[in-house]
Amino acid sequence: MKPISFDDLKGKVCVITGGAGVLGNALVKALASVEMKIAIADINKEVADAVAAEIAAESNATVIGIEANVLDKASLEKAKLEINEKLGEIDILINGAGGNSPQATTKVEQMTEENIDKLEDTFYGLEMEGFDKVFALNFKGTLLPTMVFTKDMLKKRKGVVLNISSMNSYKPLTKIPAYSAAKASINNLTQWLAVHLAKVGIRVNAIAPGFFITNQNRFLVTDEKTGNFSPRGQKIVNNTPMGKFGDPEDLQGATLFLISDVSSFVTGVIIPVDGGYSAFGGV
């Protein structure tokens, strides 16, 4: 019997959007550890190049930065041509681009008699520009790269798409309606695509991270002056059975499992990586 390993990933070409972010960086390192060929697609090529150079220097992997706007199909198609030229045909896509914004965040968790006269702090004060921006980045920013970067997989009748969802998709958090709604849509899209592409050899799954401190949510979960958890950050820790925020590296195992042939009969699933948050009812 052949030992189970991730050897099938060696030399495979993977595109990852959002790979220059805190969580994306950890995923790129996981891909590099199994000697994949990696293209970090990011709207900021300088940042993508810097991350790619750093990870390539500390691993045996080929890692390059590619300029791409996940909300612009023409930009993605141009990026695909460059990736094909430099690395070859694409085997795996990780849709990691996403995030929240203060513009799509309410100031209060719930409406009460005390704040009902300050509608600007509530759902009613959300600016549509901010809401649209967050929803588009998370949903359309997964949809469009999938349309473009899976074309090589179609030709080979084999490939994997891994979407990055969130625990917000199951239990919408207060204050962030756009992000929560978009991630719930990612779960639905993951399952829809898994069915749609199953007979042509493309698997589609997702991971749903619990609570990790990133550049997008730092303003919500930490106190800028003290560096300690904000009341909201402490509430998160209290409701996570393992009693802590996740480390970015905690996402690496689930990621390699889902993109490898080890999980060849797995499609249409969303795996929580959340320290038990989804299992906890609060009491």
C-alpha atoms as a PDB file:
ATOM      1  CA  MET A   1       0.000   0.000   0.000  1.00  0.00           C
ATOM      2  CA  LYS A   2       1.389   3.390  -1.002  1.00  0.00           C
ATOM      3  CA  PRO A   3       1.826   5.829   1.939  1.00  0.00           C
ATOM      4  CA  ILE A   4      -0.534   8.788   1.928  1.00  0.00           C
ATOM      5  CA  SER A   5       1.265  12.015   1.056  1.00  0.00           C
ATOM      6  CA  PHE A   6       0.954  15.271  -0.843  1.00  0.00           C
ATOM      7  CA  ASP A   7       3.516  14.187  -3.435  1.00  0.00           C
ATOM      8  CA  ASP A   8       0.951  14.545  -6.223  1.00  0.00           C
ATOM      9  CA  LEU A   9       1.108  18.323  -5.741  1.00  0.00           C
ATOM     10  CA  LYS A  10       4.806  18.606  -6.618  1.00  0.00           C
ATOM     11  CA  GLY A  11       5.221  20.600  -9.828  1.00  0.00           C
ATOM     12  CA  LYS A  12       1.525  21.447 -10.091  1.00  0.00           C
ATOM     13  CA  VAL A  13       0.685  25.021 -11.098  1.00  0.00           C
ATOM     14  CA  CYS A  14      -1.440  26.901  -8.569  1.00  0.00           C
ATOM     15  CA  VAL A  15      -2.860  30.400  -8.842  1.00  0.00           C
ATOM     16  CA  ILE A  16      -3.764  32.079  -5.579  1.00  0.00           C
ATOM     17  CA  THR A  17      -5.552  35.409  -5.378  1.00  0.00           C
ATOM     18  CA  GLY A  18      -5.051  37.385  -2.202  1.00  0.00           C
ATOM     19  CA  GLY A  19      -1.818  35.496  -1.625  1.00  0.00           C
ATOM     20  CA  ALA A  20      -0.011  38.578  -0.368  1.00  0.00           C
ATOM     21  CA  GLY A  21      -2.327  38.980   2.632  1.00  0.00           C
ATOM     22  CA  VAL A  22      -1.811  37.593   6.134  1.00  0.00           C
ATOM     23  CA  LEU A  23      -3.741  34.366   5.567  1.00  0.00           C
ATOM     24  CA  GLY A  24      -2.803  34.099   1.895  1.00  0.00           C
ATOM     25  CA  ASN A  25       0.883  34.317   2.760  1.00  0.00           C
ATOM     26  CA  ALA A  26       0.564  31.269   5.029  1.00  0.00           C
ATOM     27  CA  LEU A  27      -1.213  29.363   2.256  1.00  0.00           C
ATOM     28  CA  VAL A  28       1.530  30.207  -0.254  1.00  0.00           C
ATOM     29  CA  LYS A  29       4.112  28.866   2.201  1.00  0.00           C
ATOM     30  CA  ALA A  30       2.125  25.617   2.442  1.00  0.00           C
ATOM     31  CA  LEU A  31       2.060  25.323  -1.356  1.00  0.00           C
ATOM     32  CA  ALA A  32       5.783  26.032  -1.521  1.00  0.00           C
ATOM     33  CA  SER A  33       6.508  23.350   1.082  1.00  0.00           C
ATOM     34  CA  VAL A  34       5.266  20.690  -1.355  1.00  0.00           C
ATOM     35  CA  GLU A  35       7.186  22.274  -4.261  1.00  0.00           C
ATOM     36  CA  MET A  36       4.309  23.564  -6.321  1.00  0.00           C
ATOM     37  CA  LYS A  37       4.657  26.266  -8.967  1.00  0.00           C
ATOM     38  CA  ILE A  38       2.800  29.262  -7.562  1.00  0.00           C
ATOM     39  CA  ALA A  39       1.466  32.461  -9.077  1.00  0.00           C
ATOM     40  CA  ILE A  40       0.393  35.081  -6.549  1.00  0.00           C
ATOM     41  CA  ALA A  41      -2.212  37.159  -8.375  1.00  0.00           C
ATOM     42  CA  ASP A  42      -2.694  40.554  -6.751  1.00  0.00           C
ATOM     43  CA  ILE A  43      -3.817  44.011  -7.782  1.00  0.00           C
ATOM     44  CA  ASN A  44      -0.572  45.323  -6.274  1.00  0.00           C
ATOM     45  CA  LYS A  45       2.220  43.635  -8.233  1.00  0.00           C
ATOM     46  CA  GLU A  46       4.998  45.097  -6.081  1.00  0.00           C
ATOM     47  CA  VAL A  47       3.560  43.464  -2.973  1.00  0.00           C
ATOM     48  CA  ALA A  48       2.976  40.176  -4.826  1.00  0.00           C
ATOM     49  CA  ASP A  49       6.534  40.226  -6.149  1.00  0.00           C
ATOM     50  CA  ALA A  50       7.949  40.886  -2.687  1.00  0.00           C
ATOM     51  CA  VAL A  51       6.028  38.019  -1.082  1.00  0.00           C
ATOM     52  CA  ALA A  52       6.897  35.716  -3.983  1.00  0.00           C
ATOM     53  CA  ALA A  53      10.617  36.537  -3.745  1.00  0.00           C
ATOM     54  CA  GLU A  54      10.683  36.018   0.020  1.00  0.00           C
ATOM     55  CA  ILE A  55       8.940  32.630  -0.081  1.00  0.00           C
ATOM     56  CA  ALA A  56      10.902  31.439  -3.129  1.00  0.00           C
ATOM     57  CA  ALA A  57      14.158  32.282  -1.336  1.00  0.00           C
ATOM     58  CA  GLU A  58      13.292  30.105   1.655  1.00  0.00           C
ATOM     59  CA  SER A  59      11.896  27.145  -0.288  1.00  0.00           C
ATOM     60  CA  ASN A  60      12.553  25.013  -3.353  1.00  0.00           C
ATOM     61  CA  ALA A  61       9.408  26.254  -5.042  1.00  0.00           C
ATOM     62  CA  THR A  62       8.921  28.505  -8.044  1.00  0.00           C
ATOM     63  CA  VAL A  63       6.870  31.495  -6.880  1.00  0.00           C
ATOM     64  CA  ILE A  64       6.036  34.532  -9.015  1.00  0.00           C
ATOM     65  CA  GLY A  65       3.950  37.654  -8.585  1.00  0.00           C
ATOM     66  CA  ILE A  66       1.327  38.479 -11.206  1.00  0.00           C
ATOM     67  CA  GLU A  67      -0.677  41.667 -11.540  1.00  0.00           C
ATOM     68  CA  ALA A  68      -4.408  40.944 -11.625  1.00  0.00           C
ATOM     69  CA  ASN A  69      -7.616  42.687 -10.601  1.00  0.00           C
ATOM     70  CA  VAL A  70     -10.105  40.053  -9.426  1.00  0.00           C
ATOM     71  CA  LEU A  71     -12.983  42.357 -10.374  1.00  0.00           C
ATOM     72  CA  ASP A  72     -11.827  42.807 -13.978  1.00  0.00           C
ATOM     73  CA  LYS A  73     -12.170  39.821 -16.311  1.00  0.00           C
ATOM     74  CA  ALA A  74      -9.863  41.301 -18.948  1.00  0.00           C
ATOM     75  CA  SER A  75      -7.158  41.787 -16.319  1.00  0.00           C
ATOM     76  CA  LEU A  76      -7.554  38.162 -15.227  1.00  0.00           C
ATOM     77  CA  GLU A  77      -7.358  36.876 -18.785  1.00  0.00           C
ATOM     78  CA  LYS A  78      -4.144  38.851 -19.315  1.00  0.00           C
ATOM     79  CA  ALA A  79      -2.771  37.386 -16.080  1.00  0.00           C
ATOM     80  CA  LYS A  80      -3.658  33.865 -17.237  1.00  0.00           C
ATOM     81  CA  LEU A  81      -1.644  34.278 -20.424  1.00  0.00           C
ATOM     82  CA  GLU A  82       1.359  35.395 -18.395  1.00  0.00           C
ATOM     83  CA  ILE A  83       0.997  32.497 -15.965  1.00  0.00           C
ATOM     84  CA  ASN A  84       0.705  29.981 -18.816  1.00  0.00           C
ATOM     85  CA  GLU A  85       3.830  31.441 -20.422  1.00  0.00           C
ATOM     86  CA  LYS A  86       5.920  31.419 -17.231  1.00  0.00           C
ATOM     87  CA  LEU A  87       4.617  28.358 -15.352  1.00  0.00           C
ATOM     88  CA  GLY A  88       2.467  26.291 -17.712  1.00  0.00           C
ATOM     89  CA  GLU A  89      -1.166  25.233 -17.590  1.00  0.00           C
ATOM     90  CA  ILE A  90      -3.055  25.887 -14.371  1.00  0.00           C
ATOM     91  CA  ASP A  91      -3.961  22.890 -12.176  1.00  0.00           C
ATOM     92  CA  ILE A  92      -5.317  24.519  -9.032  1.00  0.00           C
ATOM     93  CA  LEU A  93      -6.986  27.802  -8.107  1.00  0.00           C
ATOM     94  CA  ILE A  94      -7.263  29.211  -4.597  1.00  0.00           C
ATOM     95  CA  ASN A  95      -9.656  32.147  -4.359  1.00  0.00           C
ATOM     96  CA  GLY A  96      -8.198  34.008  -1.405  1.00  0.00           C
ATOM     97  CA  ALA A  97      -9.013  37.608  -2.307  1.00  0.00           C
ATOM     98  CA  GLY A  98     -11.523  39.170   0.051  1.00  0.00           C
ATOM     99  CA  GLY A  99     -11.944  41.239   3.156  1.00  0.00           C
ATOM    100  CA  ASN A 100     -14.112  43.717   5.015  1.00  0.00           C
ATOM    101  CA  SER A 101     -14.131  47.506   5.205  1.00  0.00           C
ATOM    102  CA  PRO A 102     -15.095  50.083   7.862  1.00  0.00           C
ATOM    103  CA  GLN A 103     -17.423  51.563   5.219  1.00  0.00           C
ATOM    104  CA  ALA A 104     -19.554  48.407   5.327  1.00  0.00           C
ATOM    105  CA  THR A 105     -19.524  48.100   9.123  1.00  0.00           C
ATOM    106  CA  THR A 106     -22.153  49.361  11.536  1.00  0.00           C
ATOM    107  CA  LYS A 107     -20.987  51.169  14.655  1.00  0.00           C
ATOM    108  CA  VAL A 108     -23.411  49.317  16.943  1.00  0.00           C
ATOM    109  CA  GLU A 109     -24.127  45.608  17.247  1.00  0.00           C
ATOM    110  CA  GLN A 110     -27.881  45.951  17.772  1.00  0.00           C
ATOM    111  CA  MET A 111     -30.473  48.685  17.604  1.00  0.00           C
ATOM    112  CA  THR A 112     -31.792  49.666  21.017  1.00  0.00           C
ATOM    113  CA  GLU A 113     -33.953  52.425  22.459  1.00  0.00           C
ATOM    114  CA  GLU A 114     -30.724  54.264  23.290  1.00  0.00           C
ATOM    115  CA  ASN A 115     -29.465  54.443  19.695  1.00  0.00           C
ATOM    116  CA  ILE A 116     -32.667  54.419  17.684  1.00  0.00           C
ATOM    117  CA  ASP A 117     -32.317  58.159  17.127  1.00  0.00           C
ATOM    118  CA  LYS A 118     -28.788  57.739  15.715  1.00  0.00           C
ATOM    119  CA  LEU A 119     -29.581  55.831  12.549  1.00  0.00           C
ATOM    120  CA  GLU A 120     -26.200  56.661  11.053  1.00  0.00           C
ATOM    121  CA  ASP A 121     -24.628  54.198  13.506  1.00  0.00           C
ATOM    122  CA  THR A 122     -26.921  51.341  12.442  1.00  0.00           C
ATOM    123  CA  PHE A 123     -27.918  49.301   9.405  1.00  0.00           C
ATOM    124  CA  TYR A 124     -29.766  52.351   8.114  1.00  0.00           C
ATOM    125  CA  GLY A 125     -26.567  54.368   7.984  1.00  0.00           C
ATOM    126  CA  LEU A 126     -24.607  51.987   5.768  1.00  0.00           C
ATOM    127  CA  GLU A 127     -23.283  53.578   2.598  1.00  0.00           C
ATOM    128  CA  MET A 128     -24.113  51.533  -0.485  1.00  0.00           C
ATOM    129  CA  GLU A 129     -20.721  52.277  -1.996  1.00  0.00           C
ATOM    130  CA  GLY A 130     -18.985  50.513   0.885  1.00  0.00           C
ATOM    131  CA  PHE A 131     -21.491  47.655   0.940  1.00  0.00           C
ATOM    132  CA  ASP A 132     -21.136  47.086  -2.802  1.00  0.00           C
ATOM    133  CA  LYS A 133     -17.339  47.197  -2.578  1.00  0.00           C
ATOM    134  CA  VAL A 134     -17.148  44.500   0.102  1.00  0.00           C
ATOM    135  CA  PHE A 135     -19.751  42.260  -1.509  1.00  0.00           C
ATOM    136  CA  ALA A 136     -18.103  42.536  -4.925  1.00  0.00           C
ATOM    137  CA  LEU A 137     -14.590  41.854  -3.621  1.00  0.00           C
ATOM    138  CA  ASN A 138     -15.659  38.702  -1.794  1.00  0.00           C
ATOM    139  CA  PHE A 139     -18.234  37.274  -4.211  1.00  0.00           C
ATOM    140  CA  LYS A 140     -17.472  38.615  -7.682  1.00  0.00           C
ATOM    141  CA  GLY A 141     -13.789  38.416  -6.758  1.00  0.00           C
ATOM    142  CA  THR A 142     -14.246  34.645  -6.483  1.00  0.00           C
ATOM    143  CA  LEU A 143     -16.624  34.210  -9.408  1.00  0.00           C
ATOM    144  CA  LEU A 144     -14.506  35.931 -12.074  1.00  0.00           C
ATOM    145  CA  PRO A 145     -11.151  34.252 -11.301  1.00  0.00           C
ATOM    146  CA  THR A 146     -12.929  30.886 -11.363  1.00  0.00           C
ATOM    147  CA  MET A 147     -14.358  31.655 -14.808  1.00  0.00           C
ATOM    148  CA  VAL A 148     -10.899  32.488 -16.144  1.00  0.00           C
ATOM    149  CA  PHE A 149      -8.361  30.296 -14.333  1.00  0.00           C
ATOM    150  CA  THR A 150     -10.244  26.983 -14.623  1.00  0.00           C
ATOM    151  CA  LYS A 151     -10.142  26.935 -18.427  1.00  0.00           C
ATOM    152  CA  ASP A 152      -6.914  24.876 -18.405  1.00  0.00           C
ATOM    153  CA  MET A 153      -8.536  22.409 -16.013  1.00  0.00           C
ATOM    154  CA  LEU A 154     -11.391  21.924 -18.440  1.00  0.00           C
ATOM    155  CA  LYS A 155      -8.951  20.915 -21.165  1.00  0.00           C
ATOM    156  CA  LYS A 156      -7.245  18.386 -18.896  1.00  0.00           C
ATOM    157  CA  ARG A 157     -10.503  17.178 -17.309  1.00  0.00           C
ATOM    158  CA  LYS A 158      -8.825  17.563 -13.925  1.00  0.00           C
ATOM    159  CA  GLY A 159      -8.383  20.376 -11.457  1.00  0.00           C
ATOM    160  CA  VAL A 160      -9.287  21.845  -8.093  1.00  0.00           C
ATOM    161  CA  VAL A 161     -10.804  25.120  -6.944  1.00  0.00           C
ATOM    162  CA  LEU A 162     -10.543  26.070  -3.283  1.00  0.00           C
ATOM    163  CA  ASN A 163     -12.609  29.013  -2.092  1.00  0.00           C
ATOM    164  CA  ILE A 164     -12.036  30.871   1.157  1.00  0.00           C
ATOM    165  CA  SER A 165     -15.294  31.244   3.036  1.00  0.00           C
ATOM    166  CA  SER A 166     -15.697  32.258   6.684  1.00  0.00           C
ATOM    167  CA  MET A 167     -17.555  31.287   9.823  1.00  0.00           C
ATOM    168  CA  ASN A 168     -19.595  34.425   9.136  1.00  0.00           C
ATOM    169  CA  SER A 169     -21.262  32.397   6.405  1.00  0.00           C
ATOM    170  CA  TYR A 170     -22.907  30.163   9.028  1.00  0.00           C
ATOM    171  CA  LYS A 171     -23.341  32.590  11.915  1.00  0.00           C
ATOM    172  CA  PRO A 172     -23.469  36.169  10.635  1.00  0.00           C
ATOM    173  CA  LEU A 173     -21.584  38.439  12.961  1.00  0.00           C
ATOM    174  CA  THR A 174     -22.982  41.720  14.192  1.00  0.00           C
ATOM    175  CA  LYS A 175     -21.677  44.886  12.532  1.00  0.00           C
ATOM    176  CA  ILE A 176     -20.551  43.317   9.225  1.00  0.00           C
ATOM    177  CA  PRO A 177     -23.604  42.527   7.065  1.00  0.00           C
ATOM    178  CA  ALA A 178     -21.915  42.849   3.657  1.00  0.00           C
ATOM    179  CA  TYR A 179     -19.039  40.507   4.507  1.00  0.00           C
ATOM    180  CA  SER A 180     -21.341  37.958   6.143  1.00  0.00           C
ATOM    181  CA  ALA A 181     -23.758  37.945   3.206  1.00  0.00           C
ATOM    182  CA  ALA A 182     -20.952  37.637   0.673  1.00  0.00           C
ATOM    183  CA  LYS A 183     -19.343  34.690   2.454  1.00  0.00           C
ATOM    184  CA  ALA A 184     -22.714  32.925   2.712  1.00  0.00           C
ATOM    185  CA  SER A 185     -22.936  33.368  -1.056  1.00  0.00           C
ATOM    186  CA  ILE A 186     -19.482  31.791  -1.420  1.00  0.00           C
ATOM    187  CA  ASN A 187     -20.751  28.630   0.299  1.00  0.00           C
ATOM    188  CA  ASN A 188     -23.665  28.423  -2.110  1.00  0.00           C
ATOM    189  CA  LEU A 189     -21.434  29.094  -5.127  1.00  0.00           C
ATOM    190  CA  THR A 190     -18.967  26.439  -3.946  1.00  0.00           C
ATOM    191  CA  GLN A 191     -21.688  23.797  -3.849  1.00  0.00           C
ATOM    192  CA  TRP A 192     -23.250  24.962  -7.117  1.00  0.00           C
ATOM    193  CA  LEU A 193     -19.931  24.858  -8.963  1.00  0.00           C
ATOM    194  CA  ALA A 194     -19.049  21.482  -7.432  1.00  0.00           C
ATOM    195  CA  VAL A 195     -22.165  19.975  -9.007  1.00  0.00           C
ATOM    196  CA  HIS A 196     -21.778  21.870 -12.279  1.00  0.00           C
ATOM    197  CA  LEU A 197     -18.157  20.798 -12.820  1.00  0.00           C
ATOM    198  CA  ALA A 198     -18.124  17.326 -11.245  1.00  0.00           C
ATOM    199  CA  LYS A 199     -18.398  15.374 -14.494  1.00  0.00           C
ATOM    200  CA  VAL A 200     -15.550  17.264 -16.155  1.00  0.00           C
ATOM    201  CA  GLY A 201     -13.076  16.421 -13.396  1.00  0.00           C
ATOM    202  CA  ILE A 202     -12.966  19.717 -11.497  1.00  0.00           C
ATOM    203  CA  ARG A 203     -13.498  19.596  -7.745  1.00  0.00           C
ATOM    204  CA  VAL A 204     -14.681  22.704  -5.867  1.00  0.00           C
ATOM    205  CA  ASN A 205     -14.439  23.019  -2.090  1.00  0.00           C
ATOM    206  CA  ALA A 206     -13.927  25.711   0.528  1.00  0.00           C
ATOM    207  CA  ILE A 207     -12.447  26.265   3.928  1.00  0.00           C
ATOM    208  CA  ALA A 208     -14.258  28.453   6.455  1.00  0.00           C
ATOM    209  CA  PRO A 209     -11.730  30.093   8.767  1.00  0.00           C
ATOM    210  CA  GLY A 210     -12.898  31.020  12.224  1.00  0.00           C
ATOM    211  CA  PHE A 211     -11.274  34.016  13.833  1.00  0.00           C
ATOM    212  CA  PHE A 212      -7.850  35.139  12.691  1.00  0.00           C
ATOM    213  CA  ILE A 213      -6.428  38.634  13.109  1.00  0.00           C
ATOM    214  CA  THR A 214      -5.870  40.137   9.658  1.00  0.00           C
ATOM    215  CA  ASN A 215      -5.276  43.604   8.268  1.00  0.00           C
ATOM    216  CA  GLN A 216      -8.978  43.856   7.428  1.00  0.00           C
ATOM    217  CA  ASN A 217     -10.390  43.079  10.880  1.00  0.00           C
ATOM    218  CA  ARG A 218      -7.643  44.357  13.158  1.00  0.00           C
ATOM    219  CA  PHE A 219      -9.548  47.611  13.743  1.00  0.00           C
ATOM    220  CA  LEU A 220     -12.488  45.626  15.119  1.00  0.00           C
ATOM    221  CA  VAL A 221     -10.788  43.110  17.406  1.00  0.00           C
ATOM    222  CA  THR A 222      -7.856  44.995  18.906  1.00  0.00           C
ATOM    223  CA  ASP A 223      -7.459  48.292  20.740  1.00  0.00           C
ATOM    224  CA  GLU A 224      -5.185  50.498  18.657  1.00  0.00           C
ATOM    225  CA  LYS A 225      -3.800  52.315  21.705  1.00  0.00           C
ATOM    226  CA  THR A 226      -3.135  49.390  24.040  1.00  0.00           C
ATOM    227  CA  GLY A 227      -2.714  46.504  21.581  1.00  0.00           C
ATOM    228  CA  ASN A 228      -5.014  44.403  23.766  1.00  0.00           C
ATOM    229  CA  PHE A 229      -8.212  42.783  22.548  1.00  0.00           C
ATOM    230  CA  SER A 230     -11.143  45.123  22.122  1.00  0.00           C
ATOM    231  CA  PRO A 231     -14.354  44.093  23.908  1.00  0.00           C
ATOM    232  CA  ARG A 232     -15.391  42.493  20.613  1.00  0.00           C
ATOM    233  CA  GLY A 233     -12.082  40.645  20.315  1.00  0.00           C
ATOM    234  CA  GLN A 234     -12.398  39.327  23.855  1.00  0.00           C
ATOM    235  CA  LYS A 235     -15.955  38.200  23.126  1.00  0.00           C
ATOM    236  CA  ILE A 236     -14.651  36.181  20.170  1.00  0.00           C
ATOM    237  CA  VAL A 237     -12.017  34.456  22.312  1.00  0.00           C
ATOM    238  CA  ASN A 238     -14.609  33.714  24.989  1.00  0.00           C
ATOM    239  CA  ASN A 239     -16.848  32.042  22.404  1.00  0.00           C
ATOM    240  CA  THR A 240     -14.110  29.970  20.802  1.00  0.00           C
ATOM    241  CA  PRO A 241     -13.731  26.720  22.774  1.00  0.00           C
ATOM    242  CA  MET A 242      -9.971  26.635  22.187  1.00  0.00           C
ATOM    243  CA  GLY A 243      -9.807  30.105  23.774  1.00  0.00           C
ATOM    244  CA  LYS A 244      -7.719  31.915  21.172  1.00  0.00           C
ATOM    245  CA  PHE A 245      -7.549  33.382  17.690  1.00  0.00           C
ATOM    246  CA  GLY A 246      -6.205  31.069  15.007  1.00  0.00           C
ATOM    247  CA  ASP A 247      -2.674  31.296  13.663  1.00  0.00           C
ATOM    248  CA  PRO A 248      -2.479  31.635   9.844  1.00  0.00           C
ATOM    249  CA  GLU A 249      -0.529  28.359   9.732  1.00  0.00           C
ATOM    250  CA  ASP A 250      -3.602  26.582  11.131  1.00  0.00           C
ATOM    251  CA  LEU A 251      -5.142  26.794   7.639  1.00  0.00           C
ATOM    252  CA  GLN A 252      -2.326  24.972   5.892  1.00  0.00           C
ATOM    253  CA  GLY A 253      -3.303  21.358   6.575  1.00  0.00           C
ATOM    254  CA  ALA A 254      -6.911  21.680   5.452  1.00  0.00           C
ATOM    255  CA  THR A 255      -5.770  23.524   2.339  1.00  0.00           C
ATOM    256  CA  LEU A 256      -3.272  20.863   1.242  1.00  0.00           C
ATOM    257  CA  PHE A 257      -5.803  18.130   1.968  1.00  0.00           C
ATOM    258  CA  LEU A 258      -8.500  19.681  -0.225  1.00  0.00           C
ATOM    259  CA  ILE A 259      -6.272  20.497  -3.202  1.00  0.00           C
ATOM    260  CA  SER A 260      -4.479  17.133  -3.180  1.00  0.00           C
ATOM    261  CA  ASP A 261      -5.608  13.868  -4.757  1.00  0.00           C
ATOM    262  CA  VAL A 262      -5.788  12.603  -1.165  1.00  0.00           C
ATOM    263  CA  SER A 263      -9.301  14.126  -1.227  1.00  0.00           C
ATOM    264  CA  SER A 264     -10.141  13.013  -4.770  1.00  0.00           C
ATOM    265  CA  PHE A 265     -13.718  12.003  -3.832  1.00  0.00           C
ATOM    266  CA  VAL A 266     -14.398  15.217  -1.904  1.00  0.00           C
ATOM    267  CA  THR A 267     -16.262  18.039  -3.636  1.00  0.00           C
ATOM    268  CA  GLY A 268     -18.849  20.590  -2.588  1.00  0.00           C
ATOM    269  CA  VAL A 269     -17.793  20.746   1.068  1.00  0.00           C
ATOM    270  CA  ILE A 270     -16.956  23.687   3.307  1.00  0.00           C
ATOM    271  CA  ILE A 271     -14.590  22.728   6.130  1.00  0.00           C
ATOM    272  CA  PRO A 272     -14.553  24.926   9.243  1.00  0.00           C
ATOM    273  CA  VAL A 273     -11.119  25.717  10.663  1.00  0.00           C
ATOM    274  CA  ASP A 274     -12.367  27.545  13.711  1.00  0.00           C
ATOM    275  CA  GLY A 275     -11.133  26.241  17.055  1.00  0.00           C
ATOM    276  CA  GLY A 276     -14.566  24.808  17.765  1.00  0.00           C
ATOM    277  CA  TYR A 277     -16.525  28.037  17.307  1.00  0.00           C
ATOM    278  CA  SER A 278     -19.159  26.421  15.085  1.00  0.00           C
ATOM    279  CA  ALA A 279     -19.779  23.694  17.668  1.00  0.00           C
ATOM    280  CA  PHE A 280     -20.303  26.072  20.601  1.00  0.00           C
ATOM    281  CA  GLY A 281     -23.734  27.361  21.558  1.00  0.00           C
ATOM    282  CA  GLY A 282     -22.463  29.893  24.068  1.00  0.00           C
ATOM    283  CA  VAL A 283     -23.317  27.913  27.196  1.00  0.00           C
END
